């Protein structure tokens, strides 16, 4: 069965953690909107599914994944579903639940990153809320980045297997998501994040281990990996990077 991923075709966004997992798991999948003839045509494909009046279990928003008759929405939920199928989830139920907990924490972090450039409303352009964004980004860099990094650092150091992975002794989808977080923070806040890099060496070591995975490396160097830009979750604005 070929998976069908529905996510915006011009950004990494919240769907990138799903793309990374599909790629690392060697899954056959169609990035439906990206394979459309144009960005607008891709958006229409997404909206067509979301607005389907007869759907009994409709997704609220992308990303969502279609696997035969099954539709799974929300990035963390998609990964909870995909991880075991692709060999990228822990084997025991307690560990799978902990992986899901960590992924939901990543979800919280991504929302806080988004709010650094849209602290008032998604309906307003960044330029219309720049002053508030500067204040929000300052607090994010000073308080939230270290809080999240300290947490993931503790999880890595307290892993009983001492493998360098978050759970157990092999890479899981949560490791891929934390890799995406590090890549995004380095892009959006190169100065701000650098202040804390010496305090999260286990996180950075995990980042390097993921980067060396053959399937991940091939994906990152391919045209399937959308570059960071000023339309996604992670955006670089010099005035927001302390």
C-alpha atoms as a PDB file:
ATOM      1  CA  UNK A   1       0.000   0.000   0.000  1.00  0.00           C
ATOM      2  CA  UNK A   2       1.310   3.457  -0.915  1.00  0.00           C
ATOM      3  CA  UNK A   3       0.700   6.107   1.739  1.00  0.00           C
ATOM      4  CA  UNK A   4      -0.785   9.429   0.678  1.00  0.00           C
ATOM      5  CA  UNK A   5       0.472  12.448   2.618  1.00  0.00           C
ATOM      6  CA  UNK A   6      -1.493  15.684   2.430  1.00  0.00           C
ATOM      7  CA  UNK A   7       0.404  18.791   3.457  1.00  0.00           C
ATOM      8  CA  UNK A   8       1.094  22.233   2.043  1.00  0.00           C
ATOM      9  CA  UNK A   9       3.426  21.890  -0.945  1.00  0.00           C
ATOM     10  CA  UNK A  10       5.647  24.949  -0.396  1.00  0.00           C
ATOM     11  CA  UNK A  11       6.753  24.610   3.244  1.00  0.00           C
ATOM     12  CA  UNK A  12       8.275  22.134   5.663  1.00  0.00           C
ATOM     13  CA  UNK A  13       5.957  23.216   8.478  1.00  0.00           C
ATOM     14  CA  UNK A  14       4.390  20.748  10.883  1.00  0.00           C
ATOM     15  CA  UNK A  15       4.261  18.111   8.170  1.00  0.00           C
ATOM     16  CA  UNK A  16       8.023  17.802   7.869  1.00  0.00           C
ATOM     17  CA  UNK A  17       8.301  15.428  10.837  1.00  0.00           C
ATOM     18  CA  UNK A  18       5.969  13.090   8.946  1.00  0.00           C
ATOM     19  CA  UNK A  19       8.016  13.392   5.750  1.00  0.00           C
ATOM     20  CA  UNK A  20      11.205  12.614   7.687  1.00  0.00           C
ATOM     21  CA  UNK A  21       9.640   9.497   9.189  1.00  0.00           C
ATOM     22  CA  UNK A  22       8.322   8.249   5.855  1.00  0.00           C
ATOM     23  CA  UNK A  23      11.739   8.785   4.286  1.00  0.00           C
ATOM     24  CA  UNK A  24      13.719   7.220   7.144  1.00  0.00           C
ATOM     25  CA  UNK A  25      11.343   4.261   7.167  1.00  0.00           C
ATOM     26  CA  UNK A  26      11.785   3.674   3.444  1.00  0.00           C
ATOM     27  CA  UNK A  27       8.039   3.965   2.932  1.00  0.00           C
ATOM     28  CA  UNK A  28       6.382   4.269  -0.437  1.00  0.00           C
ATOM     29  CA  UNK A  29       4.341   7.438  -0.310  1.00  0.00           C
ATOM     30  CA  UNK A  30       2.871  10.183  -2.445  1.00  0.00           C
ATOM     31  CA  UNK A  31       3.266  13.773  -1.293  1.00  0.00           C
ATOM     32  CA  UNK A  32      -0.063  14.581  -2.912  1.00  0.00           C
ATOM     33  CA  UNK A  33      -0.012  18.386  -2.983  1.00  0.00           C
ATOM     34  CA  UNK A  34       3.652  18.561  -3.996  1.00  0.00           C
ATOM     35  CA  UNK A  35       3.027  16.205  -6.898  1.00  0.00           C
ATOM     36  CA  UNK A  36       0.276  18.461  -8.258  1.00  0.00           C
ATOM     37  CA  UNK A  37       0.850  20.630 -11.316  1.00  0.00           C
ATOM     38  CA  UNK A  38       1.138  23.821  -9.246  1.00  0.00           C
ATOM     39  CA  UNK A  39       1.101  25.077  -5.661  1.00  0.00           C
ATOM     40  CA  UNK A  40      -2.478  26.240  -6.123  1.00  0.00           C
ATOM     41  CA  UNK A  41      -3.532  22.874  -7.523  1.00  0.00           C
ATOM     42  CA  UNK A  42      -1.877  21.206  -4.536  1.00  0.00           C
ATOM     43  CA  UNK A  43      -3.812  23.387  -2.123  1.00  0.00           C
ATOM     44  CA  UNK A  44      -7.031  22.526  -3.909  1.00  0.00           C
ATOM     45  CA  UNK A  45      -6.357  18.820  -3.431  1.00  0.00           C
ATOM     46  CA  UNK A  46      -5.986  19.383   0.309  1.00  0.00           C
ATOM     47  CA  UNK A  47      -9.081  21.561   0.598  1.00  0.00           C
ATOM     48  CA  UNK A  48     -11.110  19.089  -1.427  1.00  0.00           C
ATOM     49  CA  UNK A  49     -10.484  16.421   1.222  1.00  0.00           C
ATOM     50  CA  UNK A  50     -11.010  18.752   4.185  1.00  0.00           C
ATOM     51  CA  UNK A  51     -14.263  20.170   2.823  1.00  0.00           C
ATOM     52  CA  UNK A  52     -15.767  16.840   1.808  1.00  0.00           C
ATOM     53  CA  UNK A  53     -19.287  17.080   3.250  1.00  0.00           C
ATOM     54  CA  UNK A  54     -19.935  13.339   3.369  1.00  0.00           C
ATOM     55  CA  UNK A  55     -16.761  12.468   5.329  1.00  0.00           C
ATOM     56  CA  UNK A  56     -17.548  10.757   8.645  1.00  0.00           C
ATOM     57  CA  UNK A  57     -14.053  11.312  10.104  1.00  0.00           C
ATOM     58  CA  UNK A  58     -12.758  14.404   8.344  1.00  0.00           C
ATOM     59  CA  UNK A  59      -9.384  15.973   9.162  1.00  0.00           C
ATOM     60  CA  UNK A  60      -9.508  19.500  10.513  1.00  0.00           C
ATOM     61  CA  UNK A  61      -6.302  20.606   8.783  1.00  0.00           C
ATOM     62  CA  UNK A  62      -3.164  19.184   7.213  1.00  0.00           C
ATOM     63  CA  UNK A  63      -1.061  17.242   7.748  1.00  0.00           C
ATOM     64  CA  UNK A  64      -3.140  14.132   7.320  1.00  0.00           C
ATOM     65  CA  UNK A  65      -2.292  10.712   5.983  1.00  0.00           C
ATOM     66  CA  UNK A  66      -4.432   8.289   3.999  1.00  0.00           C
ATOM     67  CA  UNK A  67      -3.646   4.588   4.253  1.00  0.00           C
ATOM     68  CA  UNK A  68      -6.261   2.700   2.280  1.00  0.00           C
ATOM     69  CA  UNK A  69      -9.563   3.405   4.034  1.00  0.00           C
ATOM     70  CA  UNK A  70      -7.850   4.918   7.076  1.00  0.00           C
ATOM     71  CA  UNK A  71      -7.426   8.685   7.464  1.00  0.00           C
ATOM     72  CA  UNK A  72      -5.123   9.881  10.247  1.00  0.00           C
ATOM     73  CA  UNK A  73      -4.660  13.581  11.056  1.00  0.00           C
ATOM     74  CA  UNK A  74      -2.422  15.616  13.406  1.00  0.00           C
ATOM     75  CA  UNK A  75       1.346  15.103  13.072  1.00  0.00           C
ATOM     76  CA  UNK A  76       1.837  13.412  16.453  1.00  0.00           C
ATOM     77  CA  UNK A  77      -1.098  11.089  15.812  1.00  0.00           C
ATOM     78  CA  UNK A  78       0.191  10.236  12.335  1.00  0.00           C
ATOM     79  CA  UNK A  79       3.575   9.315  13.778  1.00  0.00           C
ATOM     80  CA  UNK A  80       1.972   7.238  16.538  1.00  0.00           C
ATOM     81  CA  UNK A  81       0.239   5.324  13.727  1.00  0.00           C
ATOM     82  CA  UNK A  82       3.192   5.133  11.323  1.00  0.00           C
ATOM     83  CA  UNK A  83       6.039   4.461  13.753  1.00  0.00           C
ATOM     84  CA  UNK A  84       5.329   0.769  14.436  1.00  0.00           C
ATOM     85  CA  UNK A  85       4.576   0.071  10.760  1.00  0.00           C
ATOM     86  CA  UNK A  86       7.926   1.508   9.651  1.00  0.00           C
ATOM     87  CA  UNK A  87      10.068   0.083  12.458  1.00  0.00           C
ATOM     88  CA  UNK A  88      10.558   3.541  13.956  1.00  0.00           C
ATOM     89  CA  UNK A  89       8.716   3.093  17.247  1.00  0.00           C
ATOM     90  CA  UNK A  90       9.589   1.310  20.498  1.00  0.00           C
ATOM     91  CA  UNK A  91       8.352  -2.246  20.886  1.00  0.00           C
ATOM     92  CA  UNK A  92       6.741  -2.030  24.336  1.00  0.00           C
ATOM     93  CA  UNK A  93       3.499  -0.209  25.076  1.00  0.00           C
ATOM     94  CA  UNK A  94       4.965   1.948  27.899  1.00  0.00           C
ATOM     95  CA  UNK A  95       7.776   3.062  25.591  1.00  0.00           C
ATOM     96  CA  UNK A  96       5.360   3.764  22.734  1.00  0.00           C
ATOM     97  CA  UNK A  97       3.283   5.913  25.068  1.00  0.00           C
ATOM     98  CA  UNK A  98       6.402   7.756  26.207  1.00  0.00           C
ATOM     99  CA  UNK A  99       7.382   8.326  22.574  1.00  0.00           C
ATOM    100  CA  UNK A 100       3.942   9.838  21.982  1.00  0.00           C
ATOM    101  CA  UNK A 101       4.395  12.043  25.045  1.00  0.00           C
ATOM    102  CA  UNK A 102       7.706  13.309  23.681  1.00  0.00           C
ATOM    103  CA  UNK A 103       6.161  13.959  20.269  1.00  0.00           C
ATOM    104  CA  UNK A 104       3.383  16.007  21.842  1.00  0.00           C
ATOM    105  CA  UNK A 105       6.089  18.018  23.609  1.00  0.00           C
ATOM    106  CA  UNK A 106       7.682  18.669  20.215  1.00  0.00           C
ATOM    107  CA  UNK A 107       4.249  19.797  19.011  1.00  0.00           C
ATOM    108  CA  UNK A 108       4.093  22.311  21.870  1.00  0.00           C
ATOM    109  CA  UNK A 109       7.571  23.576  20.998  1.00  0.00           C
ATOM    110  CA  UNK A 110       6.671  24.046  17.331  1.00  0.00           C
ATOM    111  CA  UNK A 111       3.618  26.081  18.303  1.00  0.00           C
ATOM    112  CA  UNK A 112       5.778  28.332  20.477  1.00  0.00           C
ATOM    113  CA  UNK A 113       8.194  28.808  17.577  1.00  0.00           C
ATOM    114  CA  UNK A 114       5.287  29.755  15.335  1.00  0.00           C
ATOM    115  CA  UNK A 115       4.074  32.286  17.889  1.00  0.00           C
ATOM    116  CA  UNK A 116       7.391  34.144  17.837  1.00  0.00           C
ATOM    117  CA  UNK A 117       6.464  35.570  14.434  1.00  0.00           C
ATOM    118  CA  UNK A 118       2.663  35.463  14.808  1.00  0.00           C
ATOM    119  CA  UNK A 119       2.030  36.313  18.470  1.00  0.00           C
ATOM    120  CA  UNK A 120      -1.291  38.086  17.921  1.00  0.00           C
ATOM    121  CA  UNK A 121      -3.104  36.409  15.050  1.00  0.00           C
ATOM    122  CA  UNK A 122      -2.575  34.122  12.073  1.00  0.00           C
ATOM    123  CA  UNK A 123      -4.803  36.487  10.114  1.00  0.00           C
ATOM    124  CA  UNK A 124      -2.231  39.284  10.351  1.00  0.00           C
ATOM    125  CA  UNK A 125       1.003  39.535   8.405  1.00  0.00           C
ATOM    126  CA  UNK A 126       4.246  39.408  10.360  1.00  0.00           C
ATOM    127  CA  UNK A 127       4.875  43.058   9.494  1.00  0.00           C
ATOM    128  CA  UNK A 128       1.631  43.974  11.263  1.00  0.00           C
ATOM    129  CA  UNK A 129       2.792  42.450  14.559  1.00  0.00           C
ATOM    130  CA  UNK A 130       6.540  42.978  14.417  1.00  0.00           C
ATOM    131  CA  UNK A 131       6.915  44.799  17.744  1.00  0.00           C
ATOM    132  CA  UNK A 132       5.004  42.089  19.565  1.00  0.00           C
ATOM    133  CA  UNK A 133       7.057  39.460  17.747  1.00  0.00           C
ATOM    134  CA  UNK A 134      10.311  40.975  19.001  1.00  0.00           C
ATOM    135  CA  UNK A 135       9.055  40.719  22.572  1.00  0.00           C
ATOM    136  CA  UNK A 136       7.751  37.185  22.093  1.00  0.00           C
ATOM    137  CA  UNK A 137      10.962  35.994  20.445  1.00  0.00           C
ATOM    138  CA  UNK A 138      13.070  37.490  23.230  1.00  0.00           C
ATOM    139  CA  UNK A 139      11.176  35.502  25.839  1.00  0.00           C
ATOM    140  CA  UNK A 140      11.314  32.369  23.700  1.00  0.00           C
ATOM    141  CA  UNK A 141      15.088  32.570  23.330  1.00  0.00           C
ATOM    142  CA  UNK A 142      15.782  33.439  26.965  1.00  0.00           C
ATOM    143  CA  UNK A 143      13.308  31.102  28.638  1.00  0.00           C
ATOM    144  CA  UNK A 144      11.687  28.531  26.402  1.00  0.00           C
ATOM    145  CA  UNK A 145      14.625  27.264  24.316  1.00  0.00           C
ATOM    146  CA  UNK A 146      16.668  26.366  27.428  1.00  0.00           C
ATOM    147  CA  UNK A 147      13.620  24.820  29.126  1.00  0.00           C
ATOM    148  CA  UNK A 148      12.893  22.516  26.192  1.00  0.00           C
ATOM    149  CA  UNK A 149      16.555  21.678  25.544  1.00  0.00           C
ATOM    150  CA  UNK A 150      17.167  20.892  29.207  1.00  0.00           C
ATOM    151  CA  UNK A 151      14.212  18.531  29.151  1.00  0.00           C
ATOM    152  CA  UNK A 152      15.337  16.612  26.068  1.00  0.00           C
ATOM    153  CA  UNK A 153      18.905  16.594  27.397  1.00  0.00           C
ATOM    154  CA  UNK A 154      17.665  14.931  30.609  1.00  0.00           C
ATOM    155  CA  UNK A 155      15.673  12.330  28.655  1.00  0.00           C
ATOM    156  CA  UNK A 156      18.730  11.456  26.569  1.00  0.00           C
ATOM    157  CA  UNK A 157      21.085  11.246  29.534  1.00  0.00           C
ATOM    158  CA  UNK A 158      18.637   9.152  31.583  1.00  0.00           C
ATOM    159  CA  UNK A 159      17.921   6.627  28.837  1.00  0.00           C
ATOM    160  CA  UNK A 160      18.893   3.327  30.522  1.00  0.00           C
ATOM    161  CA  UNK A 161      20.401   2.004  27.290  1.00  0.00           C
ATOM    162  CA  UNK A 162      22.842   4.965  27.038  1.00  0.00           C
ATOM    163  CA  UNK A 163      22.434   4.689  23.270  1.00  0.00           C
ATOM    164  CA  UNK A 164      22.306   8.379  22.434  1.00  0.00           C
ATOM    165  CA  UNK A 165      18.682   7.970  21.317  1.00  0.00           C
ATOM    166  CA  UNK A 166      15.675   9.265  23.228  1.00  0.00           C
ATOM    167  CA  UNK A 167      14.109   5.831  23.795  1.00  0.00           C
ATOM    168  CA  UNK A 168      15.716   2.412  23.684  1.00  0.00           C
ATOM    169  CA  UNK A 169      18.762   1.565  21.624  1.00  0.00           C
ATOM    170  CA  UNK A 170      17.693   2.560  18.112  1.00  0.00           C
ATOM    171  CA  UNK A 171      16.354   5.580  16.235  1.00  0.00           C
ATOM    172  CA  UNK A 172      12.636   6.276  16.481  1.00  0.00           C
ATOM    173  CA  UNK A 173      10.356   8.872  14.936  1.00  0.00           C
ATOM    174  CA  UNK A 174      10.831  11.115  17.980  1.00  0.00           C
ATOM    175  CA  UNK A 175      14.572  11.323  17.301  1.00  0.00           C
ATOM    176  CA  UNK A 176      13.758  12.458  13.768  1.00  0.00           C
ATOM    177  CA  UNK A 177      11.434  15.134  15.133  1.00  0.00           C
ATOM    178  CA  UNK A 178      14.044  16.429  17.587  1.00  0.00           C
ATOM    179  CA  UNK A 179      16.499  16.542  14.676  1.00  0.00           C
ATOM    180  CA  UNK A 180      14.016  18.736  12.794  1.00  0.00           C
ATOM    181  CA  UNK A 181      13.744  21.009  15.836  1.00  0.00           C
ATOM    182  CA  UNK A 182      17.520  21.496  16.002  1.00  0.00           C
ATOM    183  CA  UNK A 183      17.730  22.188  12.284  1.00  0.00           C
ATOM    184  CA  UNK A 184      14.890  24.687  12.541  1.00  0.00           C
ATOM    185  CA  UNK A 185      16.257  26.516  15.582  1.00  0.00           C
ATOM    186  CA  UNK A 186      19.657  26.827  13.942  1.00  0.00           C
ATOM    187  CA  UNK A 187      17.966  28.369  10.918  1.00  0.00           C
ATOM    188  CA  UNK A 188      15.529  30.703  12.668  1.00  0.00           C
ATOM    189  CA  UNK A 189      17.632  31.702  15.684  1.00  0.00           C
ATOM    190  CA  UNK A 190      21.293  31.097  14.778  1.00  0.00           C
ATOM    191  CA  UNK A 191      22.582  33.521  17.404  1.00  0.00           C
ATOM    192  CA  UNK A 192      19.949  32.807  20.020  1.00  0.00           C
ATOM    193  CA  UNK A 193      20.278  29.029  19.836  1.00  0.00           C
ATOM    194  CA  UNK A 194      24.075  29.082  19.741  1.00  0.00           C
ATOM    195  CA  UNK A 195      24.089  30.451  23.298  1.00  0.00           C
ATOM    196  CA  UNK A 196      22.736  27.129  24.559  1.00  0.00           C
ATOM    197  CA  UNK A 197      24.530  24.642  22.332  1.00  0.00           C
ATOM    198  CA  UNK A 198      27.234  23.877  24.905  1.00  0.00           C
ATOM    199  CA  UNK A 199      24.498  22.996  27.396  1.00  0.00           C
ATOM    200  CA  UNK A 200      22.727  20.472  25.178  1.00  0.00           C
ATOM    201  CA  UNK A 201      25.555  18.332  23.832  1.00  0.00           C
ATOM    202  CA  UNK A 202      23.472  15.131  23.971  1.00  0.00           C
ATOM    203  CA  UNK A 203      20.787  16.762  21.816  1.00  0.00           C
ATOM    204  CA  UNK A 204      23.403  17.905  19.310  1.00  0.00           C
ATOM    205  CA  UNK A 205      24.976  14.430  19.285  1.00  0.00           C
ATOM    206  CA  UNK A 206      21.559  12.958  18.451  1.00  0.00           C
ATOM    207  CA  UNK A 207      21.192  15.534  15.679  1.00  0.00           C
ATOM    208  CA  UNK A 208      24.483  14.354  14.166  1.00  0.00           C
ATOM    209  CA  UNK A 209      23.509  10.676  14.438  1.00  0.00           C
ATOM    210  CA  UNK A 210      20.264  11.296  12.563  1.00  0.00           C
ATOM    211  CA  UNK A 211      22.079  13.283   9.891  1.00  0.00           C
ATOM    212  CA  UNK A 212      24.386  10.297   9.270  1.00  0.00           C
ATOM    213  CA  UNK A 213      21.501   7.916   8.615  1.00  0.00           C
ATOM    214  CA  UNK A 214      21.730   6.964   4.936  1.00  0.00           C
ATOM    215  CA  UNK A 215      18.046   7.375   4.104  1.00  0.00           C
ATOM    216  CA  UNK A 216      17.766  10.664   5.962  1.00  0.00           C
ATOM    217  CA  UNK A 217      20.935  11.999   4.366  1.00  0.00           C
ATOM    218  CA  UNK A 218      19.692  11.122   0.878  1.00  0.00           C
ATOM    219  CA  UNK A 219      16.388  12.833   1.573  1.00  0.00           C
ATOM    220  CA  UNK A 220      18.043  15.997   2.888  1.00  0.00           C
ATOM    221  CA  UNK A 221      20.170  16.315  -0.232  1.00  0.00           C
ATOM    222  CA  UNK A 222      17.264  15.662  -2.602  1.00  0.00           C
ATOM    223  CA  UNK A 223      14.739  18.070  -4.084  1.00  0.00           C
ATOM    224  CA  UNK A 224      12.076  16.415  -1.949  1.00  0.00           C
ATOM    225  CA  UNK A 225      13.372  18.363   1.057  1.00  0.00           C
ATOM    226  CA  UNK A 226      11.835  21.830   0.876  1.00  0.00           C
ATOM    227  CA  UNK A 227      14.272  24.551   2.020  1.00  0.00           C
ATOM    228  CA  UNK A 228      13.442  26.588   5.099  1.00  0.00           C
ATOM    229  CA  UNK A 229      11.668  29.779   4.095  1.00  0.00           C
ATOM    230  CA  UNK A 230       9.557  32.639   5.447  1.00  0.00           C
ATOM    231  CA  UNK A 231       6.272  30.792   5.065  1.00  0.00           C
ATOM    232  CA  UNK A 232       6.859  27.883   7.424  1.00  0.00           C
ATOM    233  CA  UNK A 233       7.055  27.392  11.184  1.00  0.00           C
ATOM    234  CA  UNK A 234      10.763  28.231  11.392  1.00  0.00           C
ATOM    235  CA  UNK A 235      11.417  31.677   9.887  1.00  0.00           C
ATOM    236  CA  UNK A 236      14.554  33.752  10.051  1.00  0.00           C
ATOM    237  CA  UNK A 237      14.052  37.421  10.836  1.00  0.00           C
ATOM    238  CA  UNK A 238      17.281  39.103  12.033  1.00  0.00           C
ATOM    239  CA  UNK A 239      15.385  41.381  14.391  1.00  0.00           C
ATOM    240  CA  UNK A 240      13.986  38.356  16.256  1.00  0.00           C
ATOM    241  CA  UNK A 241      17.357  36.642  16.716  1.00  0.00           C
ATOM    242  CA  UNK A 242      19.017  38.115  19.811  1.00  0.00           C
END
